[in-house]
Structure formats: structure tokens, C-alpha cells
Protein backbone atom coordinates (compact mmCIF):
# COMPACT_ATOMS: atom_id res chain seq x y z
CA MET A 1 -31.77 -68.20 254.00
CA ARG A 2 -28.46 -66.83 252.75
CA THR A 3 -28.65 -69.11 249.69
CA LEU A 4 -32.06 -67.63 248.81
CA GLY A 5 -30.93 -64.07 249.51
CA ALA A 6 -33.50 -63.72 252.33
CA THR A 7 -32.93 -61.27 255.17
CA LEU A 8 -34.13 -61.09 258.73
CA GLY A 9 -36.36 -58.13 259.51
CA THR A 10 -38.33 -57.33 262.64
CA VAL A 11 -37.87 -59.70 265.58
CA ALA A 12 -40.05 -59.58 268.70
CA PRO A 13 -41.17 -62.23 271.20
CA GLY A 14 -43.44 -64.57 269.23
CA SER A 15 -43.05 -62.64 265.97
CA VAL A 16 -40.47 -62.60 263.14
CA GLU A 17 -40.27 -61.10 259.65
CA ILE A 18 -38.16 -62.43 256.79
CA ALA A 19 -37.88 -60.61 253.45
CA LEU A 20 -36.90 -61.91 250.02
CA ALA A 21 -36.15 -59.97 246.85
CA PRO A 22 -37.53 -61.75 243.77
CA GLY A 23 -34.99 -62.64 241.11
CA PRO A 24 -33.98 -65.33 238.61
CA ALA A 25 -32.32 -67.52 241.27
CA VAL A 26 -35.64 -68.04 243.10
CA SER A 27 -38.06 -67.86 240.17
CA GLN A 28 -39.97 -70.55 238.33
CA GLN A 29 -40.65 -70.80 234.59
CA HIS A 30 -43.33 -68.06 234.52
CA GLY A 31 -41.22 -65.53 236.42
CA PHE A 32 -43.00 -65.87 239.77
CA VAL A 33 -41.06 -66.68 242.94
CA HIS A 34 -40.96 -70.47 243.22
CA ALA A 35 -43.27 -72.08 245.78
CA GLY A 36 -40.22 -73.69 247.39
CA ALA A 37 -38.69 -70.28 248.14
CA VAL A 38 -42.03 -68.94 249.38
CA SER A 39 -42.40 -72.00 251.62
CA ALA A 40 -38.84 -71.65 252.92
CA ILE A 41 -39.25 -68.06 254.10
CA ALA A 42 -42.67 -68.82 255.58
CA ASP A 43 -41.38 -71.89 257.45
CA SER A 44 -38.36 -69.97 258.74
CA ALA A 45 -40.46 -67.00 259.89
CA ALA A 46 -42.83 -69.31 261.78
CA GLY A 47 -39.90 -71.32 263.17
CA TYR A 48 -37.95 -68.33 264.43
CA ALA A 49 -41.12 -66.85 265.93
CA ALA A 50 -41.54 -70.12 267.85
CA LEU A 51 -37.87 -70.18 268.84
CA SER A 52 -38.16 -66.67 270.27
CA LEU A 53 -40.47 -68.05 272.99
CA MET A 54 -38.46 -71.18 273.75
CA PRO A 55 -36.00 -71.51 276.66
CA PRO A 56 -32.44 -70.21 276.22
CA GLY A 57 -30.24 -72.81 274.54
CA ALA A 58 -33.17 -74.61 272.92
CA GLY A 59 -33.41 -75.32 269.22
CA VAL A 60 -36.46 -75.52 267.01
CA LEU A 61 -37.52 -78.17 264.52
CA THR A 62 -40.54 -78.08 262.21
CA THR A 63 -42.56 -81.28 262.61
CA GLU A 64 -45.16 -80.42 259.97
CA PHE A 65 -46.54 -77.55 257.95
CA LYS A 66 -49.28 -76.83 255.48
CA ILE A 67 -49.08 -73.95 253.06
CA ASN A 68 -51.80 -72.41 250.93
CA LEU A 69 -50.50 -70.52 247.89
CA VAL A 70 -53.27 -68.01 247.22
CA ALA A 71 -51.72 -65.75 244.53
CA PRO A 72 -48.64 -65.67 242.31
CA ALA A 73 -45.60 -64.46 244.25
CA ALA A 74 -44.39 -61.48 242.24
CA GLY A 75 -43.51 -57.92 243.11
CA ASP A 76 -40.68 -55.79 244.42
CA ARG A 77 -40.25 -57.82 247.61
CA LEU A 78 -41.81 -60.70 249.54
CA VAL A 79 -42.26 -60.50 253.29
CA ALA A 80 -43.06 -63.49 255.50
CA ARG A 81 -44.51 -62.57 258.88
CA GLY A 82 -44.44 -65.42 261.38
CA ARG A 83 -46.31 -65.40 264.66
CA VAL A 84 -46.92 -67.87 267.45
CA VAL A 85 -50.52 -68.99 267.86
CA LYS A 86 -49.91 -71.21 270.92
CA ALA A 87 -46.60 -71.87 272.61
CA GLY A 88 -46.21 -75.11 274.51
CA ARG A 89 -43.40 -76.78 276.43
CA THR A 90 -42.72 -79.30 273.64
CA LEU A 91 -44.89 -78.26 270.67
CA THR A 92 -45.69 -74.79 269.38
CA LEU A 93 -48.31 -73.84 266.79
CA ALA A 94 -47.37 -70.92 264.54
CA GLN A 95 -48.55 -69.26 261.35
CA ALA A 96 -46.85 -67.21 258.69
CA GLU A 97 -48.40 -64.97 256.09
CA VAL A 98 -46.36 -64.11 253.01
CA PHE A 99 -47.08 -60.81 251.31
CA SER A 100 -45.95 -59.47 247.96
CA GLU A 101 -45.05 -55.79 248.03
CA ARG A 102 -45.40 -53.64 244.93
CA ASP A 103 -45.48 -49.84 244.80
CA GLY A 104 -46.13 -49.66 248.57
CA ALA A 105 -49.12 -52.01 248.47
CA GLU A 106 -49.22 -55.51 249.96
CA ARG A 107 -51.00 -58.58 248.61
CA LEU A 108 -51.32 -61.90 250.46
CA VAL A 109 -49.68 -64.67 248.43
CA ALA A 110 -49.39 -67.53 250.96
CA LEU A 111 -50.54 -68.72 254.37
CA LEU A 112 -48.59 -71.34 256.32
CA THR A 113 -49.59 -73.17 259.51
CA ALA A 114 -46.82 -75.10 261.27
CA THR A 115 -46.20 -77.28 264.28
CA LEU A 116 -42.73 -76.83 265.73
CA MET A 117 -40.88 -78.83 268.36
CA THR A 118 -38.57 -77.58 271.08
CA VAL A 119 -35.25 -79.43 270.80
CA GLN A 120 -32.90 -79.66 273.79
CA GLY A 121 -29.35 -81.05 273.94
CA ARG A 122 -28.53 -81.10 270.23
CA ASP A 123 -25.25 -79.26 269.76
CA GLY A 124 -24.73 -80.06 266.10
CA ILE A 125 -25.92 -81.78 262.97
CA GLY A 126 -25.63 -85.54 262.96
CA ASP A 127 -25.55 -85.98 266.76
């Protein structure tokens, strides 16, 4: 998220917000925020929402997601709001909506649905 310039916002059990300021580093050829950046903040918001309901010391891993891009991602700021739909012991279903903010108004630009897995006993990358 640091590479994209995204920041963590509100965090509550089963709910997480991640914000992204549009700019050249995350834009595509028409000036809109690239779908990859939109997908990244949506996946992370859903993943951290899932993680917030997992046992202490657990990790989270996305096993699949589907994203619908419903409008061009442009504006003053993008906000991904992730929330848990159903938390399970091994698998959790979560969604994230990504909104474009401009002049105080919000517009839905993407909807992500993800399945996330609870990971235990993985202390580092490449274990």
C-alpha cells in the first residue's frame, strides 16, 4: 500500500477503510486510476476486514476475488470500504466497495467480493 500511496483509515471489527489519492503514479492512459490500483485497495480493505475477526497471531491470504469496475475511478480521493459478510474458522467472505470522492460527493466505482483464508504458523515469506 505504501508503494501506491494508500493510507489506512477507519478500522473496526469486520470493517476497514483504505484511501488513495489519484495521481500519475497510479493512473492509466486516460487519466483514471488504473484498475490494478483500484483492485489493490479493494482487496486490501476486504482482507484487513477479514483479518480483524481472525484469531490473534493469524495471517490472512486472499484465495480468490472478483471485481466489477462500474465507473471510471477519478476524483479527489478513492476510498475502499471493506466489510466481512461471513467469517468462518478457515474461510471468510468479504466485500469491498470503492468510492470516488469529488467535492464532498461519493460515487461507486468498483465492487469486490473476496474469499480469504486464515493462515496459521507462517512467520515469514518463503517458509
